[in-house]
Structure formats: C-alpha cells, structure tokens
Amino acid sequence: MVDNTQNKESMKEAIDTLNQIVVSNSTPKTIKKSITDLITDLNNEEYSLSVRAANTISLLDDVTQDPNMPSYVRTQLWQAVSKLESIRE
C-alpha cells in the first residue's frame, strides 16, 4: 500500500511540473489559464489527494487535446499525469 508521504510527494512533483508549464513564455495563454485552474483544484484540500488527482487527470486529458498546444508542453502534461496516476489511497 502506498503511504501518504509518497502520495504527497507525487502531488508536489505534479504541481511543480504544471507550474513550470504556466511560467513558460511559450505556453499559450488559454492553456496557462486552464492549468492554473487545475493547480488551484489540486491545492484545494476539501477532497482527498486521490480524488483531486483523478479529477485533474480527467481534465488534463481534455487540455492535451488542444490543437494549439506545443508538443513539448503536451509531453510535460503527460509527465504530470503520470505522477498523478501514482497517487492511491
């Protein structure tokens, strides 16, 4: 069973990756807005870590379908999804 410390570390790494995308000058504004909203949701402690991760994974899947997304940003988003997928209760 995965412990809470590992889950929190995975969440932190995913948020760090998403923050890197947001601060990048080459990320389109619409994508920055979507990702900023997702980061806010991930930091909202109203729900458990696994629920926040699952919701964000679902929303990131929609974000990655944006035709204006640069390929390297899509790759970074998949890295964040990978970290979020490792969060289990």
Protein backbone atom coordinates (compact mmCIF):
# COMPACT_ATOMS: atom_id res chain seq x y z
CA MET A 1 0.00 0.00 0.00
CA VAL A 2 1.27 3.45 -0.91
CA ASP A 3 1.72 5.68 2.10
CA ASN A 4 0.57 9.26 2.45
CA THR A 5 4.12 10.65 2.23
CA GLN A 6 4.59 9.12 -1.22
CA ASN A 7 1.22 10.48 -2.34
CA LYS A 8 2.08 13.99 -1.15
CA GLU A 9 5.47 13.84 -2.87
CA SER A 10 3.84 12.73 -6.15
CA MET A 11 1.29 15.54 -5.84
CA LYS A 12 4.06 18.08 -5.22
CA GLU A 13 6.03 16.86 -8.25
CA ALA A 14 2.93 17.06 -10.46
CA ILE A 15 2.17 20.60 -9.26
CA ASP A 16 5.80 21.62 -9.83
CA THR A 17 5.62 20.31 -13.40
CA LEU A 18 2.36 22.18 -14.02
CA ASN A 19 3.86 25.36 -12.56
CA GLN A 20 6.80 25.08 -14.98
CA ILE A 21 4.33 24.99 -17.86
CA VAL A 22 2.48 28.06 -16.54
CA VAL A 23 5.63 30.19 -16.17
CA SER A 24 6.95 29.27 -19.61
CA ASN A 25 6.72 32.16 -22.07
CA SER A 26 5.99 29.80 -24.93
CA THR A 27 2.83 28.29 -23.42
CA PRO A 28 -0.36 29.73 -24.98
CA LYS A 29 -2.46 31.89 -22.62
CA THR A 30 -5.55 29.70 -22.87
CA ILE A 31 -3.56 26.67 -21.79
CA LYS A 32 -1.92 28.63 -18.96
CA LYS A 33 -5.37 29.60 -17.68
CA SER A 34 -6.61 26.01 -17.74
CA ILE A 35 -3.52 24.72 -15.97
CA THR A 36 -3.63 27.50 -13.36
CA ASP A 37 -7.21 26.46 -12.57
CA LEU A 38 -6.10 22.82 -12.26
CA ILE A 39 -3.29 23.77 -9.87
CA THR A 40 -5.83 25.61 -7.71
CA ASP A 41 -8.01 22.49 -7.67
CA LEU A 42 -5.05 20.30 -6.75
CA ASN A 43 -4.25 22.54 -3.79
CA ASN A 44 -7.86 22.53 -2.55
CA GLU A 45 -7.84 20.25 0.50
CA GLU A 46 -11.62 19.85 0.54
CA TYR A 47 -11.19 16.46 -1.19
CA SER A 48 -8.71 13.65 -0.66
CA LEU A 49 -5.47 13.50 -2.62
CA SER A 50 -6.70 10.63 -4.78
CA VAL A 51 -9.96 12.41 -5.70
CA ARG A 52 -8.09 15.61 -6.61
CA ALA A 53 -5.62 13.59 -8.68
CA ALA A 54 -8.35 11.67 -10.52
CA ASN A 55 -10.30 14.84 -11.32
CA THR A 56 -7.17 16.58 -12.59
CA ILE A 57 -6.18 13.61 -14.75
CA SER A 58 -9.58 13.71 -16.40
CA LEU A 59 -9.35 17.45 -17.04
CA LEU A 60 -5.74 17.24 -18.27
CA ASP A 61 -6.86 14.71 -20.86
CA ASP A 62 -9.14 17.40 -22.30
CA VAL A 63 -6.38 20.03 -22.15
CA THR A 64 -3.92 17.82 -24.07
CA GLN A 65 -6.39 17.65 -26.97
CA ASP A 66 -5.98 21.39 -27.65
CA PRO A 67 -4.66 21.78 -31.22
CA ASN A 68 -2.72 24.93 -30.22
CA MET A 69 -0.64 23.03 -27.68
CA PRO A 70 3.07 22.78 -28.44
CA SER A 71 4.26 19.17 -28.40
CA TYR A 72 6.78 19.71 -25.60
CA VAL A 73 4.02 21.14 -23.36
CA ARG A 74 1.89 18.08 -24.09
CA THR A 75 4.84 15.90 -23.05
CA GLN A 76 5.19 17.80 -19.77
CA LEU A 77 1.46 17.39 -19.13
CA TRP A 78 1.79 13.64 -19.64
CA GLN A 79 4.61 13.64 -17.08
CA ALA A 80 2.29 15.35 -14.60
CA VAL A 81 -0.45 12.83 -15.39
CA SER A 82 2.00 10.00 -14.74
CA LYS A 83 2.80 11.42 -11.30
CA LEU A 84 -0.89 11.91 -10.51
CA GLU A 85 -1.69 8.35 -11.57
CA SER A 86 0.67 7.04 -8.91
CA ILE A 87 -1.49 8.58 -6.15
CA ARG A 88 -3.61 5.92 -4.48
CA GLU A 89 -5.40 5.53 -1.17
